[in-house]
Amino acid sequence: MKRIDILNEIFSNFQQITQWIPNNFSSASKYMFRSECLIEILEVEDCGSTGGFDFNSPVILETNFHLYDRFLAVLKKYNKKEDIEEVCNFNVDDIQKYFIQVSKLRDNLKK
């Protein structure tokens, strides 16, 4: 499987996560675990370890969802955001905005 195919599969899984949260966490979790496994394959290929420790493509905390930030790091390593196909009218930036908004909603509940 080519790197771009893995990235597209990860992106598709994140789109599924947005579909299932908050109504069906078991389905959202399934897609989250699939994403994490595929991200780890690319991380090991890139730098030999998992968790976002690649010095050449560091994880930047920008979405309040660490797993998506790790995806963005492996995406940016060799590819542009435009290389990922849009799935169900979502693009990489839309899902990033989604996770930021979900985090803000959660923060508002604490107040």
Protein backbone atom coordinates (compact mmCIF):
# COMPACT_ATOMS: atom_id res chain seq x y z
CA MET A 1 0.00 0.00 0.00
CA LYS A 2 1.37 3.40 -0.96
CA ARG A 3 1.83 6.16 1.61
CA ILE A 4 -0.83 8.33 -0.05
CA ASP A 5 -3.32 5.45 0.15
CA ILE A 6 -2.62 5.07 3.87
CA LEU A 7 -3.05 8.81 4.39
CA ASN A 8 -6.36 8.75 2.52
CA GLU A 9 -7.55 5.83 4.63
CA ILE A 10 -6.61 7.68 7.82
CA PHE A 11 -8.47 10.74 6.59
CA SER A 12 -11.51 8.65 5.78
CA ASN A 13 -11.41 7.22 9.31
CA PHE A 14 -11.34 10.73 10.80
CA GLN A 15 -14.35 11.64 8.70
CA GLN A 16 -16.12 8.63 10.19
CA ILE A 17 -15.16 9.78 13.71
CA THR A 18 -16.85 13.13 13.08
CA GLN A 19 -19.95 11.31 11.86
CA TRP A 20 -20.28 9.10 14.95
CA ILE A 21 -19.44 11.60 17.72
CA PRO A 22 -21.38 12.16 19.97
CA ASN A 23 -24.10 9.62 19.22
CA ASN A 24 -22.14 6.38 18.96
CA PHE A 25 -18.81 6.38 20.77
CA SER A 26 -18.15 2.70 20.12
CA SER A 27 -18.18 3.30 16.36
CA ALA A 28 -16.12 6.49 16.75
CA SER A 29 -13.59 4.55 18.85
CA LYS A 30 -13.30 1.85 16.20
CA TYR A 31 -12.31 4.43 13.59
CA MET A 32 -10.01 6.20 16.04
CA PHE A 33 -8.10 2.95 16.71
CA ARG A 34 -7.85 2.26 12.97
CA SER A 35 -6.46 5.75 12.42
CA GLU A 36 -3.95 5.35 15.22
CA CYS A 37 -2.65 2.04 13.85
CA LEU A 38 -2.14 3.50 10.39
CA ILE A 39 -0.52 6.67 11.78
CA GLU A 40 1.88 4.49 13.78
CA ILE A 41 2.87 2.58 10.63
CA LEU A 42 3.83 5.88 8.97
CA GLU A 43 5.55 7.21 12.09
CA VAL A 44 7.72 4.07 12.37
CA GLU A 45 8.53 4.31 8.67
CA ASP A 46 9.47 7.99 9.08
CA CYS A 47 11.55 7.97 12.24
CA GLY A 48 11.50 4.54 13.87
CA SER A 49 9.15 5.34 16.76
CA THR A 50 5.52 6.19 17.41
CA GLY A 51 3.87 9.08 19.19
CA GLY A 52 5.02 12.02 17.11
CA PHE A 53 8.73 12.17 17.91
CA ASP A 54 9.98 12.85 14.40
CA PHE A 55 12.32 15.85 14.66
CA ASN A 56 11.94 16.53 10.93
CA SER A 57 8.15 16.70 11.15
CA PRO A 58 7.16 17.51 14.73
CA VAL A 59 3.62 17.27 16.02
CA ILE A 60 2.20 20.76 16.43
CA LEU A 61 -0.65 20.91 18.93
CA GLU A 62 -3.25 22.86 16.99
CA THR A 63 -6.54 20.92 17.03
CA ASN A 64 -6.95 19.87 20.69
CA PHE A 65 -7.05 16.26 19.42
CA HIS A 66 -3.54 14.84 19.65
CA LEU A 67 -4.23 11.97 17.26
CA TYR A 68 -5.35 14.36 14.51
CA ASP A 69 -2.28 16.51 15.18
CA ARG A 70 -0.15 13.40 14.69
CA PHE A 71 -1.95 12.76 11.40
CA LEU A 72 -1.19 16.30 10.26
CA ALA A 73 2.49 15.77 11.13
CA VAL A 74 2.81 12.60 9.03
CA LEU A 75 0.82 14.27 6.26
CA LYS A 76 3.11 17.31 6.20
CA LYS A 77 6.25 15.15 6.18
CA TYR A 78 6.14 14.44 2.42
CA ASN A 79 2.74 15.58 1.22
CA LYS A 80 0.65 18.69 0.91
CA LYS A 81 -2.85 18.90 2.33
CA GLU A 82 -4.10 19.02 -1.24
CA ASP A 83 -2.79 15.49 -1.80
CA ILE A 84 -5.52 14.08 0.42
CA GLU A 85 -8.79 13.49 -1.40
CA GLU A 86 -11.92 15.10 -0.07
CA VAL A 87 -14.25 12.59 1.55
CA CYS A 88 -17.94 13.45 1.86
CA ASN A 89 -17.17 17.13 1.22
CA PHE A 90 -14.70 17.29 4.11
CA ASN A 91 -11.13 18.37 3.68
CA VAL A 92 -8.20 18.35 6.08
CA ASP A 93 -8.87 21.92 7.28
CA ASP A 94 -12.60 21.27 7.82
CA ILE A 95 -11.94 18.34 10.13
CA GLN A 96 -9.28 20.38 11.94
CA LYS A 97 -11.89 23.10 12.55
CA TYR A 98 -14.35 20.43 13.70
CA PHE A 99 -12.03 19.14 16.42
CA ILE A 100 -11.23 22.67 17.58
CA GLN A 101 -14.96 23.48 17.84
CA VAL A 102 -15.71 20.23 19.69
CA SER A 103 -13.01 21.12 22.19
CA LYS A 104 -14.45 24.61 22.65
CA LEU A 105 -17.91 23.16 23.24
CA ARG A 106 -16.49 20.87 25.90
CA ASP A 107 -14.70 23.82 27.53
CA ASN A 108 -17.97 25.77 27.61
CA LEU A 109 -19.62 22.95 29.55
CA LYS A 110 -17.05 23.35 32.31
CA LYS A 111 -18.07 26.95 32.93
